[in-house]
PDB file of N, CA and C in Angstrom:
ATOM      1  N   MET A   1     178.438-110.603  46.433  1.00  0.00           N
ATOM      2  CA  MET A   1     177.702-110.879  45.678  1.00  0.00           C
ATOM      3  C   MET A   1     177.077-112.577  45.380  1.00  0.00           C
ATOM      4  N   ASN A   2     175.625-112.410  45.694  1.00  0.00           N
ATOM      5  CA  ASN A   2     175.442-114.165  45.890  1.00  0.00           C
ATOM      6  C   ASN A   2     175.060-113.781  44.754  1.00  0.00           C
ATOM      7  N   GLU A   3     175.008-115.299  44.184  1.00  0.00           N
ATOM      8  CA  GLU A   3     175.007-115.093  42.182  1.00  0.00           C
ATOM      9  C   GLU A   3     174.194-117.117  42.463  1.00  0.00           C
ATOM     10  N   ILE A   4     173.269-117.479  41.603  1.00  0.00           N
ATOM     11  CA  ILE A   4     173.219-118.345  41.175  1.00  0.00           C
ATOM     12  C   ILE A   4     173.056-118.376  39.583  1.00  0.00           C
ATOM     13  N   ARG A   5     173.433-119.864  39.558  1.00  0.00           N
ATOM     14  CA  ARG A   5     173.604-119.754  37.950  1.00  0.00           C
ATOM     15  C   ARG A   5     172.442-120.831  37.707  1.00  0.00           C
ATOM     16  N   ILE A   6     171.385-120.936  36.663  1.00  0.00           N
ATOM     17  CA  ILE A   6     170.780-121.506  36.358  1.00  0.00           C
ATOM     18  C   ILE A   6     171.264-121.993  34.790  1.00  0.00           C
ATOM     19  N   GLU A   7     171.116-123.529  34.247  1.00  0.00           N
ATOM     20  CA  GLU A   7     171.210-124.020  32.958  1.00  0.00           C
ATOM     21  C   GLU A   7     170.957-125.160  33.007  1.00  0.00           C
ATOM     22  N   VAL A   8     170.598-125.470  31.151  1.00  0.00           N
ATOM     23  CA  VAL A   8     170.199-126.927  31.457  1.00  0.00           C
ATOM     24  C   VAL A   8     171.264-127.090  30.830  1.00  0.00           C
ATOM     25  N   GLU A   9     171.069-128.857  31.230  1.00  0.00           N
ATOM     26  CA  GLU A   9     172.134-129.600  31.078  1.00  0.00           C
ATOM     27  C   GLU A   9     171.684-131.065  31.276  1.00  0.00           C
ATOM     28  N   THR A  10     172.211-132.426  30.375  1.00  0.00           N
ATOM     29  CA  THR A  10     171.617-133.577  30.118  1.00  0.00           C
ATOM     30  C   THR A  10     172.091-134.315  31.451  1.00  0.00           C
ATOM     31  N   ILE A  11     171.389-135.236  32.542  1.00  0.00           N
ATOM     32  CA  ILE A  11     171.149-135.951  33.427  1.00  0.00           C
ATOM     33  C   ILE A  11     173.093-136.521  33.552  1.00  0.00           C
ATOM     34  N   ASP A  12     173.253-136.930  31.945  1.00  0.00           N
ATOM     35  CA  ASP A  12     174.830-137.112  32.362  1.00  0.00           C
ATOM     36  C   ASP A  12     175.719-136.311  32.329  1.00  0.00           C
ATOM     37  N   ALA A  13     175.696-135.045  31.666  1.00  0.00           N
ATOM     38  CA  ALA A  13     176.327-134.188  32.052  1.00  0.00           C
ATOM     39  C   ALA A  13     176.633-133.680  34.167  1.00  0.00           C
ATOM     40  N   PHE A  14     175.225-133.559  34.385  1.00  0.00           N
ATOM     41  CA  PHE A  14     175.141-133.247  35.450  1.00  0.00           C
ATOM     42  C   PHE A  14     175.898-134.786  36.389  1.00  0.00           C
ATOM     43  N   ALA A  15     175.210-136.529  36.161  1.00  0.00           N
ATOM     44  CA  ALA A  15     176.129-136.989  37.219  1.00  0.00           C
ATOM     45  C   ALA A  15     177.994-136.363  36.783  1.00  0.00           C
ATOM     46  N   LYS A  16     178.442-136.435  35.609  1.00  0.00           N
ATOM     47  CA  LYS A  16     179.495-136.474  35.475  1.00  0.00           C
ATOM     48  C   LYS A  16     180.617-135.349  36.135  1.00  0.00           C
ATOM     49  N   ARG A  17     179.536-134.287  36.184  1.00  0.00           N
ATOM     50  CA  ARG A  17     179.782-133.190  37.138  1.00  0.00           C
ATOM     51  C   ARG A  17     179.620-133.259  38.588  1.00  0.00           C
ATOM     52  N   THR A  18     178.777-134.121  38.575  1.00  0.00           N
ATOM     53  CA  THR A  18     178.729-134.160  40.175  1.00  0.00           C
ATOM     54  C   THR A  18     179.184-135.425  40.845  1.00  0.00           C
ATOM     55  N   LEU A  19     179.887-135.887  40.248  1.00  0.00           N
ATOM     56  CA  LEU A  19     180.646-137.328  40.703  1.00  0.00           C
ATOM     57  C   LEU A  19     182.687-136.602  40.378  1.00  0.00           C
ATOM     58  N   ALA A  20     183.004-135.852  39.381  1.00  0.00           N
ATOM     59  CA  ALA A  20     183.917-135.328  39.369  1.00  0.00           C
ATOM     60  C   ALA A  20     184.141-134.389  40.847  1.00  0.00           C
ATOM     61  N   MET A  21     183.242-133.749  41.520  1.00  0.00           N
ATOM     62  CA  MET A  21     183.083-132.802  42.512  1.00  0.00           C
ATOM     63  C   MET A  21     183.435-133.996  44.162  1.00  0.00           C
ATOM     64  N   ALA A  22     182.536-135.047  44.265  1.00  0.00           N
ATOM     65  CA  ALA A  22     183.152-136.255  45.000  1.00  0.00           C
ATOM     66  C   ALA A  22     184.451-136.335  45.048  1.00  0.00           C
ATOM     67  N   HIS A  23     185.080-136.883  43.715  1.00  0.00           N
ATOM     68  CA  HIS A  23     186.321-137.084  43.853  1.00  0.00           C
ATOM     69  C   HIS A  23     186.948-135.980  44.488  1.00  0.00           C
ATOM     70  N   ARG A  24     187.049-134.588  43.994  1.00  0.00           N
ATOM     71  CA  ARG A  24     187.332-133.549  44.522  1.00  0.00           C
ATOM     72  C   ARG A  24     187.301-133.308  46.007  1.00  0.00           C
ATOM     73  N   LEU A  25     186.076-133.650  46.718  1.00  0.00           N
ATOM     74  CA  LEU A  25     186.040-133.631  48.066  1.00  0.00           C
ATOM     75  C   LEU A  25     186.621-134.956  49.049  1.00  0.00           C
ATOM     76  N   ASP A  26     186.709-135.845  48.237  1.00  0.00           N
ATOM     77  CA  ASP A  26     187.685-137.520  48.653  1.00  0.00           C
ATOM     78  C   ASP A  26     189.078-137.093  48.693  1.00  0.00           C
ATOM     79  N   ARG A  27     189.231-135.950  47.699  1.00  0.00           N
ATOM     80  CA  ARG A  27     191.045-136.225  48.178  1.00  0.00           C
ATOM     81  C   ARG A  27     191.529-134.551  49.067  1.00  0.00           C
ATOM     82  N   GLY A  28     190.161-134.323  49.618  1.00  0.00           N
ATOM     83  CA  GLY A  28     190.361-133.343  50.681  1.00  0.00           C
ATOM     84  C   GLY A  28     190.519-131.922  49.400  1.00  0.00           C
ATOM     85  N   GLU A  29     189.680-131.643  48.685  1.00  0.00           N
ATOM     86  CA  GLU A  29     189.627-130.154  48.275  1.00  0.00           C
ATOM     87  C   GLU A  29     188.858-129.816  48.167  1.00  0.00           C
ATOM     88  N   HIS A  30     188.693-128.978  49.191  1.00  0.00           N
ATOM     89  CA  HIS A  30     187.341-128.508  49.358  1.00  0.00           C
ATOM     90  C   HIS A  30     187.751-126.951  48.710  1.00  0.00           C
ATOM     91  N   ARG A  31     186.465-126.141  48.200  1.00  0.00           N
ATOM     92  CA  ARG A  31     186.407-125.170  47.338  1.00  0.00           C
ATOM     93  C   ARG A  31     185.086-124.576  46.979  1.00  0.00           C
ATOM     94  N   ALA A  32     184.791-123.328  47.094  1.00  0.00           N
ATOM     95  CA  ALA A  32     183.507-122.686  46.963  1.00  0.00           C
ATOM     96  C   ALA A  32     182.955-123.086  46.106  1.00  0.00           C
ATOM     97  N   GLN A  33     181.634-123.435  45.920  1.00  0.00           N
ATOM     98  CA  GLN A  33     181.661-123.818  44.409  1.00  0.00           C
ATOM     99  C   GLN A  33     180.115-122.686  44.674  1.00  0.00           C
ATOM    100  N   ARG A  34     180.255-121.943  42.998  1.00  0.00           N
ATOM    101  CA  ARG A  34     178.427-121.356  42.570  1.00  0.00           C
ATOM    102  C   ARG A  34     177.154-122.305  42.880  1.00  0.00           C
ATOM    103  N   ALA A  35     176.473-121.269  43.679  1.00  0.00           N
ATOM    104  CA  ALA A  35     174.960-122.022  43.619  1.00  0.00           C
ATOM    105  C   ALA A  35     174.701-122.493  42.090  1.00  0.00           C
ATOM    106  N   ARG A  36     174.417-123.996  41.551  1.00  0.00           N
ATOM    107  CA  ARG A  36     173.715-123.917  40.547  1.00  0.00           C
ATOM    108  C   ARG A  36     172.471-124.126  40.385  1.00  0.00           C
ATOM    109  N   LEU A  37     171.611-124.084  39.465  1.00  0.00           N
ATOM    110  CA  LEU A  37     169.417-124.786  38.907  1.00  0.00           C
ATOM    111  C   LEU A  37     170.291-125.589  37.802  1.00  0.00           C
ATOM    112  N   SER A  38     170.075-126.703  37.527  1.00  0.00           N
ATOM    113  CA  SER A  38     169.487-127.366  36.513  1.00  0.00           C
ATOM    114  C   SER A  38     168.569-128.145  36.193  1.00  0.00           C
ATOM    115  N   PHE A  39     168.448-128.054  34.462  1.00  0.00           N
ATOM    116  CA  PHE A  39     167.329-128.523  34.194  1.00  0.00           C
ATOM    117  C   PHE A  39     167.739-129.361  33.243  1.00  0.00           C
ATOM    118  N   GLU A  40     166.949-130.134  32.705  1.00  0.00           N
ATOM    119  CA  GLU A  40     166.889-131.342  31.734  1.00  0.00           C
ATOM    120  C   GLU A  40     166.755-130.611  30.709  1.00  0.00           C
ATOM    121  N   THR A  41     165.593-129.992  29.992  1.00  0.00           N
ATOM    122  CA  THR A  41     164.963-129.244  29.198  1.00  0.00           C
ATOM    123  C   THR A  41     165.080-128.143  29.412  1.00  0.00           C
ATOM    124  N   MET A  42     165.083-127.030  28.109  1.00  0.00           N
ATOM    125  CA  MET A  42     164.870-125.952  28.211  1.00  0.00           C
ATOM    126  C   MET A  42     163.085-125.920  28.298  1.00  0.00           C
ATOM    127  N   GLU A  43     162.521-126.891  28.191  1.00  0.00           N
ATOM    128  CA  GLU A  43     161.187-126.569  28.707  1.00  0.00           C
ATOM    129  C   GLU A  43     160.900-126.390  30.043  1.00  0.00           C
ATOM    130  N   GLY A  44     161.769-127.711  30.558  1.00  0.00           N
ATOM    131  CA  GLY A  44     161.342-127.364  32.038  1.00  0.00           C
ATOM    132  C   GLY A  44     161.769-126.154  32.669  1.00  0.00           C
ATOM    133  N   LEU A  45     162.864-125.616  32.204  1.00  0.00           N
ATOM    134  CA  LEU A  45     163.146-124.297  32.758  1.00  0.00           C
ATOM    135  C   LEU A  45     162.138-123.209  32.365  1.00  0.00           C
ATOM    136  N   LEU A  46     161.671-123.357  31.491  1.00  0.00           N
ATOM    137  CA  LEU A  46     160.352-122.311  31.150  1.00  0.00           C
ATOM    138  C   LEU A  46     158.777-122.585  31.718  1.00  0.00           C
ATOM    139  N   ARG A  47     158.994-123.609  32.002  1.00  0.00           N
ATOM    140  CA  ARG A  47     157.770-123.848  33.099  1.00  0.00           C
ATOM    141  C   ARG A  47     158.212-123.550  34.606  1.00  0.00           C
ATOM    142  N   VAL A  48     159.505-124.131  34.860  1.00  0.00           N
ATOM    143  CA  VAL A  48     159.372-123.251  36.409  1.00  0.00           C
ATOM    144  C   VAL A  48     159.662-121.681  36.178  1.00  0.00           C
ATOM    145  N   LEU A  49     160.511-121.197  35.105  1.00  0.00           N
ATOM    146  CA  LEU A  49     160.547-119.296  35.433  1.00  0.00           C
ATOM    147  C   LEU A  49     159.885-118.872  34.223  1.00  0.00           C
ATOM    148  N   THR A  50     158.361-118.945  34.385  1.00  0.00           N
ATOM    149  CA  THR A  50     157.864-118.182  33.409  1.00  0.00           C
ATOM    150  C   THR A  50     157.921-116.260  33.472  1.00  0.00           C
ATOM    151  N   PRO A  51     157.229-115.286  32.747  1.00  0.00           N
ATOM    152  CA  PRO A  51     157.368-114.104  32.650  1.00  0.00           C
ATOM    153  C   PRO A  51     156.671-113.677  34.120  1.00  0.00           C
ATOM    154  N   GLY A  52     155.744-114.238  34.352  1.00  0.00           N
ATOM    155  CA  GLY A  52     154.802-113.827  35.903  1.00  0.00           C
ATOM    156  C   GLY A  52     155.946-114.126  37.180  1.00  0.00           C
ATOM    157  N   ARG A  53     156.907-115.583  36.909  1.00  0.00           N
ATOM    158  CA  ARG A  53     157.210-115.152  38.043  1.00  0.00           C
ATOM    159  C   ARG A  53     158.851-114.615  37.774  1.00  0.00           C
ATOM    160  N   TRP A  54     159.148-114.606  37.090  1.00  0.00           N
ATOM    161  CA  TRP A  54     160.482-113.450  36.810  1.00  0.00           C
ATOM    162  C   TRP A  54     159.903-112.310  37.410  1.00  0.00           C
ATOM    163  N   THR A  55     158.792-111.731  36.984  1.00  0.00           N
ATOM    164  CA  THR A  55     158.220-110.559  37.586  1.00  0.00           C
ATOM    165  C   THR A  55     158.580-110.755  39.468  1.00  0.00           C
ATOM    166  N   LEU A  56     157.957-111.932  39.573  1.00  0.00           N
ATOM    167  CA  LEU A  56     157.616-111.620  41.000  1.00  0.00           C
ATOM    168  C   LEU A  56     159.228-111.708  41.932  1.00  0.00           C
ATOM    169  N   LEU A  57     159.944-112.279  41.158  1.00  0.00           N
ATOM    170  CA  LEU A  57     161.696-112.737  42.049  1.00  0.00           C
ATOM    171  C   LEU A  57     161.887-111.101  41.669  1.00  0.00           C
ATOM    172  N   ARG A  58     161.754-110.811  40.263  1.00  0.00           N
ATOM    173  CA  ARG A  58     162.447-108.936  40.589  1.00  0.00           C
ATOM    174  C   ARG A  58     161.568-107.909  41.832  1.00  0.00           C
ATOM    175  N   ARG A  59     160.716-108.635  41.856  1.00  0.00           N
ATOM    176  CA  ARG A  59     159.596-107.006  42.726  1.00  0.00           C
ATOM    177  C   ARG A  59     160.106-107.890  44.156  1.00  0.00           C
ATOM    178  N   LEU A  60     160.211-109.200  44.259  1.00  0.00           N
ATOM    179  CA  LEU A  60     160.355-109.278  45.459  1.00  0.00           C
ATOM    180  C   LEU A  60     161.750-108.955  46.266  1.00  0.00           C
ATOM    181  N   ARG A  61     162.891-109.091  44.943  1.00  0.00           N
ATOM    182  CA  ARG A  61     164.340-109.246  45.138  1.00  0.00           C
ATOM    183  C   ARG A  61     164.205-107.147  45.641  1.00  0.00           C
ATOM    184  N   SER A  62     163.722-106.695  44.839  1.00  0.00           N
ATOM    185  CA  SER A  62     163.539-105.109  45.340  1.00  0.00           C
ATOM    186  C   SER A  62     162.761-104.415  46.400  1.00  0.00           C
ATOM    187  N   GLU A  63     161.668-105.056  47.029  1.00  0.00           N
ATOM    188  CA  GLU A  63     161.575-104.648  48.301  1.00  0.00           C
ATOM    189  C   GLU A  63     161.927-105.432  49.125  1.00  0.00           C
ATOM    190  N   GLY A  64     162.033-106.527  49.262  1.00  0.00           N
ATOM    191  CA  GLY A  64     162.822-107.413  50.404  1.00  0.00           C
ATOM    192  C   GLY A  64     162.069-108.262  50.873  1.00  0.00           C
ATOM    193  N   PRO A  65     162.346-108.943  52.267  1.00  0.00           N
ATOM    194  CA  PRO A  65     160.981-110.308  52.432  1.00  0.00           C
ATOM    195  C   PRO A  65     159.386-109.589  52.486  1.00  0.00           C
ATOM    196  N   SER A  66     159.209-110.210  52.460  1.00  0.00           N
ATOM    197  CA  SER A  66     157.648-109.936  51.983  1.00  0.00           C
ATOM    198  C   SER A  66     156.709-111.178  52.579  1.00  0.00           C
ATOM    199  N   SER A  67     155.406-110.894  53.276  1.00  0.00           N
ATOM    200  CA  SER A  67     154.323-112.108  53.292  1.00  0.00           C
ATOM    201  C   SER A  67     153.723-112.153  51.755  1.00  0.00           C
ATOM    202  N   ILE A  68     153.098-112.876  51.854  1.00  0.00           N
ATOM    203  CA  ILE A  68     153.068-113.850  50.322  1.00  0.00           C
ATOM    204  C   ILE A  68     151.361-112.417  50.064  1.00  0.00           C
ATOM    205  N   ARG A  69     150.828-112.110  51.191  1.00  0.00           N
ATOM    206  CA  ARG A  69     149.547-111.239  50.949  1.00  0.00           C
ATOM    207  C   ARG A  69     150.039-109.930  50.351  1.00  0.00           C
ATOM    208  N   ALA A  70     150.854-109.642  51.167  1.00  0.00           N
ATOM    209  CA  ALA A  70     151.188-107.854  50.699  1.00  0.00           C
ATOM    210  C   ALA A  70     152.177-108.136  49.007  1.00  0.00           C
ATOM    211  N   LEU A  71     153.514-109.523  48.842  1.00  0.00           N
ATOM    212  CA  LEU A  71     153.433-109.694  47.573  1.00  0.00           C
ATOM    213  C   LEU A  71     152.484-109.137  46.732  1.00  0.00           C
ATOM    214  N   ALA A  72     151.416-110.368  46.613  1.00  0.00           N
ATOM    215  CA  ALA A  72     150.440-110.012  45.774  1.00  0.00           C
ATOM    216  C   ALA A  72     149.957-109.103  45.504  1.00  0.00           C
ATOM    217  N   LYS A  73     149.711-108.061  46.741  1.00  0.00           N
ATOM    218  CA  LYS A  73     148.778-106.868  46.476  1.00  0.00           C
ATOM    219  C   LYS A  73     149.767-105.826  45.762  1.00  0.00           C
ATOM    220  N   SER A  74     150.949-105.813  45.722  1.00  0.00           N
ATOM    221  CA  SER A  74     152.212-105.143  45.315  1.00  0.00           C
ATOM    222  C   SER A  74     152.341-105.091  43.664  1.00  0.00           C
ATOM    223  N   LEU A  75     151.708-106.588  43.614  1.00  0.00           N
ATOM    224  CA  LEU A  75     151.893-106.986  42.253  1.00  0.00           C
ATOM    225  C   LEU A  75     150.936-106.838  41.598  1.00  0.00           C
ATOM    226  N   ALA A  76     149.400-106.571  42.340  1.00  0.00           N
ATOM    227  CA  ALA A  76     148.186-105.889  41.794  1.00  0.00           C
ATOM    228  C   ALA A  76     147.728-107.554  40.945  1.00  0.00           C
ATOM    229  N   ARG A  77     147.879-109.110  42.117  1.00  0.00           N
ATOM    230  CA  ARG A  77     147.612-110.403  41.545  1.00  0.00           C
ATOM    231  C   ARG A  77     146.713-110.891  42.658  1.00  0.00           C
ATOM    232  N   ASP A  78     146.094-111.971  42.068  1.00  0.00           N
ATOM    233  CA  ASP A  78     145.570-112.599  43.223  1.00  0.00           C
ATOM    234  C   ASP A  78     146.423-113.703  44.082  1.00  0.00           C
ATOM    235  N   TYR A  79     146.055-113.447  45.069  1.00  0.00           N
ATOM    236  CA  TYR A  79     146.606-114.810  46.102  1.00  0.00           C
ATOM    237  C   TYR A  79     146.920-115.374  46.193  1.00  0.00           C
ATOM    238  N   ARG A  80     146.313-116.365  45.238  1.00  0.00           N
ATOM    239  CA  ARG A  80     146.371-118.050  45.244  1.00  0.00           C
ATOM    240  C   ARG A  80     147.344-117.886  44.038  1.00  0.00           C
ATOM    241  N   GLY A  81     147.454-117.092  43.098  1.00  0.00           N
ATOM    242  CA  GLY A  81     148.178-117.232  41.866  1.00  0.00           C
ATOM    243  C   GLY A  81     149.565-116.741  42.802  1.00  0.00           C
ATOM    244  N   VAL A  82     149.955-116.154  43.450  1.00  0.00           N
ATOM    245  CA  VAL A  82     150.767-115.971  43.858  1.00  0.00           C
ATOM    246  C   VAL A  82     151.817-116.324  44.979  1.00  0.00           C
ATOM    247  N   HIS A  83     150.507-117.370  45.506  1.00  0.00           N
ATOM    248  CA  HIS A  83     150.967-118.291  46.967  1.00  0.00           C
ATOM    249  C   HIS A  83     151.583-119.709  45.391  1.00  0.00           C
ATOM    250  N   ALA A  84     150.923-119.917  44.417  1.00  0.00           N
ATOM    251  CA  ALA A  84     151.537-121.318  43.738  1.00  0.00           C
ATOM    252  C   ALA A  84     152.495-120.739  42.677  1.00  0.00           C
ATOM    253  N   ASP A  85     152.973-119.691  42.807  1.00  0.00           N
ATOM    254  CA  ASP A  85     154.313-119.093  41.827  1.00  0.00           C
ATOM    255  C   ASP A  85     155.170-119.148  43.346  1.00  0.00           C
ATOM    256  N   VAL A  86     154.815-118.913  44.558  1.00  0.00           N
ATOM    257  CA  VAL A  86     156.215-118.781  45.390  1.00  0.00           C
ATOM    258  C   VAL A  86     156.393-120.134  45.526  1.00  0.00           C
ATOM    259  N   VAL A  87     155.759-121.186  46.047  1.00  0.00           N
ATOM    260  CA  VAL A  87     155.666-122.774  46.165  1.00  0.00           C
ATOM    261  C   VAL A  87     157.004-123.160  45.030  1.00  0.00           C
ATOM    262  N   VAL A  88     156.368-122.783  43.721  1.00  0.00           N
ATOM    263  CA  VAL A  88     157.411-123.688  42.870  1.00  0.00           C
ATOM    264  C   VAL A  88     158.581-122.986  42.914  1.00  0.00           C
ATOM    265  N   LEU A  89     158.759-121.760  43.287  1.00  0.00           N
ATOM    266  CA  LEU A  89     160.204-120.990  43.373  1.00  0.00           C
ATOM    267  C   LEU A  89     160.749-121.317  44.222  1.00  0.00           C
ATOM    268  N   VAL A  90     160.103-121.643  45.371  1.00  0.00           N
ATOM    269  CA  VAL A  90     160.649-122.213  46.838  1.00  0.00           C
ATOM    270  C   VAL A  90     161.108-123.223  46.695  1.00  0.00           C
ATOM    271  N   GLU A  91     160.587-124.721  45.792  1.00  0.00           N
ATOM    272  CA  GLU A  91     161.198-125.700  45.423  1.00  0.00           C
ATOM    273  C   GLU A  91     162.396-125.566  44.559  1.00  0.00           C
ATOM    274  N   ALA A  92     162.273-125.109  43.850  1.00  0.00           N
ATOM    275  CA  ALA A  92     163.443-125.008  42.832  1.00  0.00           C
ATOM    276  C   ALA A  92     164.540-124.320  43.657  1.00  0.00           C
ATOM    277  N   GLY A  93     164.457-123.390  44.764  1.00  0.00           N
ATOM    278  CA  GLY A  93     165.517-122.861  45.591  1.00  0.00           C
ATOM    279  C   GLY A  93     166.184-121.057  44.784  1.00  0.00           C
ATOM    280  N   LEU A  94     164.963-121.029  44.360  1.00  0.00           N
ATOM    281  CA  LEU A  94     164.942-119.310  43.789  1.00  0.00           C
ATOM    282  C   LEU A  94     164.686-118.534  44.997  1.00  0.00           C
ATOM    283  N   VAL A  95     163.819-118.431  45.466  1.00  0.00           N
ATOM    284  CA  VAL A  95     162.837-118.278  46.932  1.00  0.00           C
ATOM    285  C   VAL A  95     163.268-119.081  48.173  1.00  0.00           C
ATOM    286  N   VAL A  96     163.358-118.213  49.358  1.00  0.00           N
ATOM    287  CA  VAL A  96     163.656-119.020  50.578  1.00  0.00           C
ATOM    288  C   VAL A  96     161.931-118.256  51.677  1.00  0.00           C
ATOM    289  N   LYS A  97     161.554-119.403  52.517  1.00  0.00           N
ATOM    290  CA  LYS A  97     161.287-118.688  53.542  1.00  0.00           C
ATOM    291  C   LYS A  97     161.682-118.952  54.780  1.00  0.00           C
ATOM    292  N   GLY A  98     161.593-117.447  55.306  1.00  0.00           N
ATOM    293  CA  GLY A  98     161.920-117.265  56.855  1.00  0.00           C
ATOM    294  C   GLY A  98     160.900-117.603  57.589  1.00  0.00           C
ATOM    295  N   GLU A  99     161.578-118.360  59.190  1.00  0.00           N
ATOM    296  CA  GLU A  99     160.674-118.341  60.293  1.00  0.00           C
ATOM    297  C   GLU A  99     160.048-117.587  60.634  1.00  0.00           C
ATOM    298  N   ASP A 100     159.306-116.309  60.091  1.00  0.00           N
ATOM    299  CA  ASP A 100     158.530-115.286  60.126  1.00  0.00           C
ATOM    300  C   ASP A 100     157.554-115.292  58.696  1.00  0.00           C
ATOM    301  N   GLY A 101     157.904-116.443  58.107  1.00  0.00           N
ATOM    302  CA  GLY A 101     156.414-116.436  56.838  1.00  0.00           C
ATOM    303  C   GLY A 101     156.598-115.515  55.913  1.00  0.00           C
ATOM    304  N   LYS A 102     157.728-115.172  56.262  1.00  0.00           N
ATOM    305  CA  LYS A 102     158.234-113.835  55.122  1.00  0.00           C
ATOM    306  C   LYS A 102     159.293-114.722  53.556  1.00  0.00           C
ATOM    307  N   VAL A 103     158.534-114.439  52.477  1.00  0.00           N
ATOM    308  CA  VAL A 103     159.523-115.132  51.583  1.00  0.00           C
ATOM    309  C   VAL A 103     160.553-114.155  50.885  1.00  0.00           C
ATOM    310  N   SER A 104     161.423-114.313  50.634  1.00  0.00           N
ATOM    311  CA  SER A 104     162.725-113.549  49.664  1.00  0.00           C
ATOM    312  C   SER A 104     163.740-113.693  49.404  1.00  0.00           C
ATOM    313  N   VAL A 105     164.179-113.384  48.176  1.00  0.00           N
ATOM    314  CA  VAL A 105     165.138-114.011  47.455  1.00  0.00           C
ATOM    315  C   VAL A 105     166.009-113.630  47.847  1.00  0.00           C
ATOM    316  N   PRO A 106     167.279-115.068  47.901  1.00  0.00           N
ATOM    317  CA  PRO A 106     168.201-114.269  48.608  1.00  0.00           C
ATOM    318  C   PRO A 106     169.817-114.389  47.622  1.00  0.00           C
ATOM    319  N   TRP A 107     169.094-114.177  45.913  1.00  0.00           N
ATOM    320  CA  TRP A 107     170.419-114.010  45.012  1.00  0.00           C
ATOM    321  C   TRP A 107     170.518-112.620  44.605  1.00  0.00           C
ATOM    322  N   SER A 108     171.340-112.096  44.514  1.00  0.00           N
ATOM    323  CA  SER A 108     171.571-110.937  43.931  1.00  0.00           C
ATOM    324  C   SER A 108     171.614-110.413  42.854  1.00  0.00           C
ATOM    325  N   ARG A 109     172.427-111.904  42.168  1.00  0.00           N
ATOM    326  CA  ARG A 109     172.670-112.317  40.479  1.00  0.00           C
ATOM    327  C   ARG A 109     171.935-113.721  40.022  1.00  0.00           C
ATOM    328  N   ILE A 110     170.932-113.111  39.132  1.00  0.00           N
ATOM    329  CA  ILE A 110     171.013-114.797  38.722  1.00  0.00           C
ATOM    330  C   ILE A 110     170.970-114.738  36.954  1.00  0.00           C
ATOM    331  N   THR A 111     172.291-115.522  36.737  1.00  0.00           N
ATOM    332  CA  THR A 111     172.695-115.701  35.497  1.00  0.00           C
ATOM    333  C   THR A 111     171.813-117.386  34.704  1.00  0.00           C
ATOM    334  N   ALA A 112     171.777-117.585  33.503  1.00  0.00           N
ATOM    335  CA  ALA A 112     171.352-118.316  32.803  1.00  0.00           C
ATOM    336  C   ALA A 112     172.615-118.642  31.753  1.00  0.00           C
ATOM    337  N   GLU A 113     172.522-119.643  31.604  1.00  0.00           N
ATOM    338  CA  GLU A 113     172.977-120.275  30.373  1.00  0.00           C
ATOM    339  C   GLU A 113     172.528-121.542  29.444  1.00  0.00           C
ATOM    340  N   MET A 114     172.000-121.217  27.849  1.00  0.00           N
ATOM    341  CA  MET A 114     170.994-122.169  27.262  1.00  0.00           C
ATOM    342  C   MET A 114     171.977-122.499  26.117  1.00  0.00           C
ATOM    343  N   VAL A 115     172.206-123.526  25.819  1.00  0.00           N
ATOM    344  CA  VAL A 115     172.987-123.947  24.656  1.00  0.00           C
ATOM    345  C   VAL A 115     171.995-124.685  23.598  1.00  0.00           C
ATOM    346  N   LEU A 116     171.956-124.506  22.339  1.00  0.00           N
ATOM    347  CA  LEU A 116     170.767-124.717  21.689  1.00  0.00           C
ATOM    348  C   LEU A 116     170.884-126.015  21.247  1.00  0.00           C
ATOM    349  N   ASP A 117     171.883-126.210  20.958  1.00  0.00           N
ATOM    350  CA  ASP A 117     172.476-127.797  21.311  1.00  0.00           C
ATOM    351  C   ASP A 117     171.983-128.642  21.825  1.00  0.00           C
ATOM    352  N   ALA A 118     172.264-128.311  23.263  1.00  0.00           N
ATOM    353  CA  ALA A 118     171.957-129.042  24.617  1.00  0.00           C
ATOM    354  C   ALA A 118     170.238-128.813  25.102  1.00  0.00           C
ATOM    355  N   ALA A 119     169.785-127.839  24.154  1.00  0.00           N
ATOM    356  CA  ALA A 119     168.025-127.700  24.648  1.00  0.00           C
ATOM    357  C   ALA A 119     167.827-128.573  23.379  1.00  0.00           C
ATOM    358  N   ALA A 120     167.972-129.234  22.426  1.00  0.00           N
ATOM    359  CA  ALA A 120     167.432-130.333  21.064  1.00  0.00           C
ATOM    360  C   ALA A 120     167.194-131.704  21.707  1.00  0.00           C
TER     361      ALA A 120
END
């Protein structure tokens, strides 16, 4: 299973985690890490992962690689809106664009962790 974890974490927590990983690599400790997508605030996460974009991700995952035009038709949405959503999701790493121009979701599982105290 190909999984990505979405979370809300402070810059300090992100830096601490990254520094710890760098130290492990310096010691020669190479171990696979689960893919992560971190947001500094819950509001930032919700700006990227809107209900419409979540629907787009689910449809794209179920139908497989697609052109943006075909995806827009499948979702019964305007091409320009779907294109804008795909651009945001590609930038976030939740969608990839192949050499053939088709977009796809490389993740079979997306998990999210939100702690109320971290979102305050």
